[in-house]
Amino acid sequence: MLRWSEKRRDAAPHFASGDCAMIQRMVPIAQFAVGTADTLLVTIGLGSCVGIALLAPRQRIGALAHVLLPHAALSTQHPLLGKVPSSAVPAMLDVMRGLGAVGEIEGRLVGGASMFAPLLSAGAVSLGTRNVNAARAACVASNIPIVGEAVGGDFGRSVYFDVGAGRIVVRSVRGDDVFL
């Protein structure tokens, strides 16, 4: 069984597992990664971006996307599959199913901060809020229940997703770790 331990408060979480070595996969902006029980999926620097984590708990297969924009129409370039929720969620599901994920898949959302709220005009909706709303809509469209969120605020976050344990640790400079 994998367990959580902390070396230092300002260090990245350390996951330890007796005999089992974990594979760490970094998820860059506008991309996603998929892993099995021996995988730690990591994305750092979520500001207005949203991390979408999916988990097939029975098979211990998970995926993590670092989405940048709420809709492809906001991008002038051909979008990567992980760039927007409407393409990231179906792409992650396809890869997860290819690895054997069946049955219910659950989702978690992290990020979507309003990093520059004072610069918004009155009544404007921040990019972070639009990203969170688009991520929720993409999960609903794929019949994925959202079982946990750490969204909003005005600060960045990093995500550490231990697929085997089905647990996410959310780190920020603003406070204690959040476990989803």
Foldseek 3Di string as FASTA:
>chain_A
DKDWDDPDQPDDTDIDDVPAAADEDEAEELGKDKDAQRYKYKYFWFALWKWKKKALQVRLIIMIAGEAFQDPVVDPDDGDQRHHQLRVVVVRVVVSVVVPRDDAMAIEMEHNEQQPVVPDDPPDDGRSVSRVVSNVVNCVVVVHHYPYYHYYYRWTWMWIQNSNVRKIWIDTPPDDIDID
